[in-house]
Protein backbone atom coordinates (compact mmCIF):
# COMPACT_ATOMS: atom_id res chain seq x y z
CA TYR A 1 91.28 114.69 -6.48
CA THR A 2 87.67 116.35 -8.00
CA GLU A 3 88.91 119.95 -7.87
CA ALA A 4 90.98 120.03 -11.04
CA TRP A 5 88.11 118.41 -13.07
CA ASP A 6 85.34 120.19 -11.67
CA ALA A 7 87.78 123.33 -12.15
CA ASP A 8 88.46 121.69 -16.15
CA LYS A 9 84.26 121.30 -16.17
CA LYS A 10 84.15 124.95 -16.00
CA SER A 11 86.15 125.92 -18.60
CA ILE A 12 85.26 123.78 -21.48
CA HIS A 13 83.42 125.46 -24.23
CA VAL A 14 81.43 123.89 -26.73
CA MET A 15 81.14 125.41 -30.50
CA PRO A 16 76.75 124.79 -31.69
CA ASP A 17 77.67 124.18 -35.58
CA THR A 18 79.77 121.30 -34.61
CA PRO A 19 78.88 117.84 -36.59
CA ASP A 20 77.85 116.48 -33.61
CA ILE A 21 75.64 119.18 -31.08
CA LEU A 22 73.58 119.07 -35.31
CA LEU A 23 72.59 115.82 -35.07
CA ALA A 24 71.74 115.75 -31.92
CA LYS A 25 69.23 118.40 -32.50
CA ALA A 26 68.05 117.41 -35.90
CA ASN A 27 67.10 114.13 -34.03
CA ALA A 28 65.50 115.95 -30.97
CA ALA A 29 63.41 117.99 -33.93
CA ASN A 30 62.83 114.52 -35.56
CA VAL A 31 61.28 112.87 -32.22
CA SER A 32 59.74 115.94 -30.68
CA ASN A 33 55.63 115.55 -30.51
CA LYS A 34 55.11 119.64 -30.10
CA LEU A 35 56.65 119.78 -33.27
CA TYR A 36 55.00 116.47 -35.39
CA VAL A 37 51.87 117.86 -34.62
CA LYS A 38 52.76 121.85 -35.24
CA ALA A 39 51.15 121.96 -38.07
CA TRP A 40 47.98 120.47 -38.04
CA GLU A 41 47.54 122.73 -34.29
CA GLU A 42 47.97 125.64 -36.49
CA ALA A 43 45.46 124.47 -39.47
CA LYS A 44 43.11 124.03 -36.87
CA LYS A 45 42.66 127.48 -35.48
CA LYS A 46 42.34 128.75 -38.17
CA GLY A 47 38.70 126.90 -38.27
CA TYR A 48 36.95 125.02 -42.07
CA ASP A 49 35.55 126.94 -45.17
CA MET A 50 33.06 124.34 -45.98
CA ARG A 51 30.68 126.71 -48.29
CA ALA A 52 27.34 124.56 -49.78
CA ASP A 53 28.47 125.51 -52.82
CA ALA A 54 31.85 123.69 -51.81
CA ILE A 55 32.72 120.65 -54.35
CA PRO A 56 33.13 117.77 -51.76
CA ILE A 57 29.56 119.02 -50.16
CA LYS A 58 27.88 118.21 -53.81
CA THR A 59 29.32 115.54 -54.57
CA ALA A 60 28.22 114.13 -51.03
CA LYS A 61 24.72 115.30 -52.08
CA ALA A 62 24.85 113.54 -54.92
CA SER A 63 25.27 110.44 -53.93
CA ARG A 64 22.96 110.32 -51.23
CA ASP A 65 19.85 111.46 -53.73
CA ILE A 66 21.26 108.12 -55.63
CA ALA A 67 20.96 106.03 -53.03
CA SER A 68 18.02 107.15 -52.17
CA ASP A 69 14.46 105.26 -53.15
CA TYR A 70 12.48 107.74 -52.70
CA LYS A 71 14.83 109.74 -55.30
CA TYR A 72 14.94 107.23 -57.34
CA LYS A 73 11.24 106.29 -57.92
CA GLU A 74 10.50 109.94 -57.66
CA THR A 75 10.65 110.62 -61.49
CA HIS A 76 8.27 107.31 -62.34
CA GLU A 77 5.72 108.36 -59.69
CA LYS A 78 5.19 111.15 -61.43
CA GLU A 79 4.56 110.05 -65.03
CA LYS A 80 2.24 107.76 -63.44
CA GLY A 81 -1.08 107.67 -65.32
CA HIS A 82 0.38 110.53 -67.59
CA TYR A 83 1.23 108.62 -70.77
CA ILE A 84 0.46 110.88 -73.80
CA GLY A 85 0.42 109.94 -77.53
CA CYS A 86 -1.64 106.90 -77.08
CA PRO A 87 -5.32 106.32 -77.18
CA SER A 88 -5.46 102.92 -76.08
CA ALA A 89 -3.61 100.57 -74.28
CA LYS A 90 -4.06 98.24 -77.78
CA GLU A 91 -1.70 100.72 -79.48
CA ASP A 92 1.09 101.24 -76.98
CA PRO A 93 4.25 99.50 -77.69
CA LYS A 94 4.74 98.42 -74.73
CA LEU A 95 1.98 96.72 -73.26
CA ALA A 96 1.15 95.28 -76.86
CA TRP A 97 4.71 93.56 -76.94
CA ALA A 98 4.01 92.17 -73.07
CA ALA A 99 0.13 91.31 -74.32
CA ARG A 100 2.00 89.36 -76.78
CA ALA A 101 4.85 87.75 -74.58
CA MET A 102 1.83 86.61 -72.71
CA ALA A 103 -0.01 85.14 -75.32
CA LEU A 104 3.46 83.35 -76.93
CA GLN A 105 3.84 82.10 -72.75
CA ASN A 106 0.38 80.50 -72.46
CA ASP A 107 0.57 77.11 -72.80
CA ARG A 108 -3.68 76.85 -74.37
CA LEU A 109 -3.31 79.21 -77.46
CA TYR A 110 0.70 77.94 -78.15
CA LYS A 111 -1.03 74.21 -78.60
CA LYS A 112 -4.39 76.00 -80.14
CA ALA A 113 -3.60 75.89 -83.81
CA TYR A 114 -3.15 71.81 -82.82
CA ASN A 115 -5.67 71.09 -81.37
CA ASP A 116 -7.52 73.05 -84.56
CA SER A 117 -5.74 71.13 -86.51
CA LYS A 118 -6.19 67.18 -85.14
CA THR A 119 -9.35 66.42 -86.27
CA GLN A 120 -8.28 67.64 -89.60
CA ILE A 121 -5.95 64.94 -90.65
CA HIS A 122 -6.94 62.77 -92.93
CA ILE A 123 -4.34 59.67 -93.36
CA PRO A 124 -4.54 56.90 -96.30
CA VAL A 125 -5.58 53.54 -94.96
CA ASP A 126 -2.37 52.26 -97.20
CA ALA A 127 -0.02 54.63 -95.73
CA MET A 128 2.58 52.47 -94.81
CA SER A 129 3.05 53.43 -91.41
CA VAL A 130 -0.69 52.78 -90.47
CA GLN A 131 0.41 49.39 -92.13
CA ALA A 132 3.71 48.96 -89.71
CA ALA A 133 1.45 50.13 -86.97
CA LYS A 134 -1.35 47.23 -88.30
CA GLU A 135 1.56 44.35 -88.07
CA CYS A 136 2.84 45.55 -84.67
CA GLN A 137 -0.18 45.74 -83.09
CA THR A 138 -0.35 42.23 -84.24
CA LEU A 139 2.45 41.02 -83.04
CA VAL A 140 1.92 42.02 -79.45
CA SER A 141 -2.19 41.13 -79.85
CA ASP A 142 -2.16 38.70 -76.86
CA ILE A 143 -5.73 37.60 -78.98
CA ASP A 144 -3.49 36.66 -82.35
CA TYR A 145 -1.00 35.36 -79.72
CA ARG A 146 -2.61 32.79 -78.21
CA GLN A 147 -4.64 30.45 -80.79
CA TYR A 148 -6.41 27.90 -79.36
CA LEU A 149 -6.61 24.21 -81.13
CA HIS A 150 -10.21 23.05 -82.12
CA GLN A 151 -12.01 19.87 -79.75
CA TRP A 152 -10.64 16.56 -81.62
CA THR A 153 -12.69 13.68 -80.78
CA CYS A 154 -10.76 10.54 -80.39
CA LEU A 155 -11.19 7.40 -79.40
CA PRO A 156 -11.23 6.53 -75.33
CA ASP A 157 -8.31 3.74 -75.65
CA GLN A 158 -5.93 4.78 -77.93
CA ASN A 159 -2.70 4.87 -76.81
CA ASP A 160 -1.94 8.53 -76.85
CA VAL A 161 -5.45 9.35 -75.02
CA ILE A 162 -4.22 7.34 -72.20
CA HIS A 163 -0.47 7.83 -71.89
CA ALA A 164 -2.35 11.76 -71.73
CA ARG A 165 -4.72 10.73 -69.17
CA GLN A 166 -1.20 9.20 -66.84
CA ALA A 167 0.23 12.79 -67.67
CA TYR A 168 -2.35 14.62 -66.52
CA ASP A 169 -2.84 12.23 -63.38
CA LEU A 170 1.12 12.63 -62.55
CA GLN A 171 0.82 16.68 -62.78
CA SER A 172 -2.44 16.85 -61.50
CA ASP A 173 -2.07 18.61 -57.40
CA ASN A 174 -5.22 17.11 -56.37
CA VAL A 175 -3.61 12.83 -57.66
CA TYR A 176 0.40 14.24 -56.13
CA LYS A 177 -1.10 15.06 -52.87
CA SER A 178 -4.16 12.47 -52.21
CA ASP A 179 -1.71 9.85 -50.21
CA LEU A 180 -1.91 12.54 -47.72
CA GLU A 181 -5.10 13.10 -47.25
CA TRP A 182 -5.93 10.69 -44.94
CA LEU A 183 -4.35 12.93 -42.69
CA ARG A 184 -6.35 15.76 -42.49
CA GLY A 185 -8.30 16.52 -39.60
CA ILE A 186 -6.19 14.11 -37.66
CA GLY A 187 -4.68 16.03 -34.50
CA TRP A 188 -1.18 15.97 -33.78
CA LEU A 189 1.24 16.61 -30.39
CA THR A 190 3.90 18.49 -30.16
CA GLU A 191 5.29 15.71 -27.85
CA GLY A 192 8.22 13.89 -29.47
CA SER A 193 8.95 15.99 -31.74
CA VAL A 194 12.69 17.30 -32.63
CA ASP A 195 11.70 21.26 -31.46
CA VAL A 196 10.34 19.35 -28.24
CA VAL A 197 13.25 17.07 -27.43
CA LYS A 198 16.02 19.79 -28.47
CA ALA A 199 14.35 22.31 -26.01
CA LYS A 200 14.20 19.29 -22.90
CA LYS A 201 18.03 18.59 -23.40
CA ALA A 202 18.60 22.65 -23.28
CA GLN A 203 16.66 22.71 -20.12
CA GLU A 204 18.87 19.53 -18.89
CA LEU A 205 21.75 20.80 -19.75
CA LEU A 206 21.26 24.88 -18.33
CA ASN A 207 19.56 23.49 -15.20
CA ASP A 208 22.34 24.21 -12.34
CA ARG A 209 20.13 21.98 -10.30
CA LEU A 210 21.24 19.15 -11.68
CA TYR A 211 24.65 20.10 -13.13
CA ARG A 212 25.38 21.20 -9.29
CA THR A 213 25.55 19.05 -6.09
CA ARG A 214 24.75 21.23 -2.92
CA PRO A 215 27.30 20.31 -0.79
CA GLU A 216 24.44 19.45 2.30
CA GLN A 217 23.25 16.80 0.21
CA LEU A 218 26.63 14.66 0.31
CA LYS A 219 27.25 12.37 2.29
CA PHE A 220 30.57 13.10 5.07
CA THR A 221 32.09 12.04 8.27
CA SER A 222 34.85 14.02 9.69
CA ILE A 223 37.44 11.62 11.23
CA THR A 224 37.79 13.42 15.16
CA ASP A 225 41.43 12.24 15.54
CA SER A 226 42.90 13.39 12.42
CA PRO A 227 46.01 16.79 13.03
CA ASP A 228 44.09 19.59 11.58
CA VAL A 229 40.91 18.55 14.04
CA VAL A 230 43.41 17.76 17.13
CA LEU A 231 45.34 21.04 15.87
CA ALA A 232 41.89 22.89 16.03
CA LYS A 233 40.93 21.66 19.38
CA THR A 234 44.35 22.24 21.33
CA ASN A 235 43.99 25.99 19.75
CA ALA A 236 40.31 26.11 21.13
CA MET A 237 41.38 25.42 24.35
CA GLN A 238 43.96 27.65 24.81
CA LEU A 239 41.97 30.29 23.74
CA SER A 240 39.28 29.50 26.01
CA ASP A 241 38.39 32.52 28.70
CA VAL A 242 37.06 28.97 31.04
């Protein structure tokens, strides 16, 4: 059955430039890992040419020097103590500017002129502000606000004097509480007070002994010929081993 097919297979010849063969070769080249890294492997075999004066090397060195804190402060450290052109610190523009800024920020120097001129101000006594201040002081003064009346000399039997005395007696705290003076020093027992009676009533309500009666205190006699008692006796006789 397969003899003719086997003989046919040996006689088939496919041209190498057919579209299907070319497409298969292109796909094999695309998915081939060896061809994918071929250029990289050949470049690695050639080696590296990294000279000291190469542009990337110089860029890296410059970046390292800029980022270095030592290189950043090297010029400043070398110039310390070598300032030229100023015979004293006062003539140095930078130091003079710093001293001026410190003087402006100093609170004592800032207020020195004001404190010196405070005692040299002369205000006329009839100035409007002084008069207004005096009037305001008079209005808020407690001494001028309270003016005590002088002592009047009145007859003791005048009607207004008698009425005033009665009003004073009514308003007097001593007279108001004089009816309670007889209670001072007298002892008082709490028995019978509202709070004590309320506490006793609450105790009686919460007392379990008064609220409930014990079963053993009840006078109860069981009937001997009741059906329940007779049934219980019969059951006891039936269950008795004797």
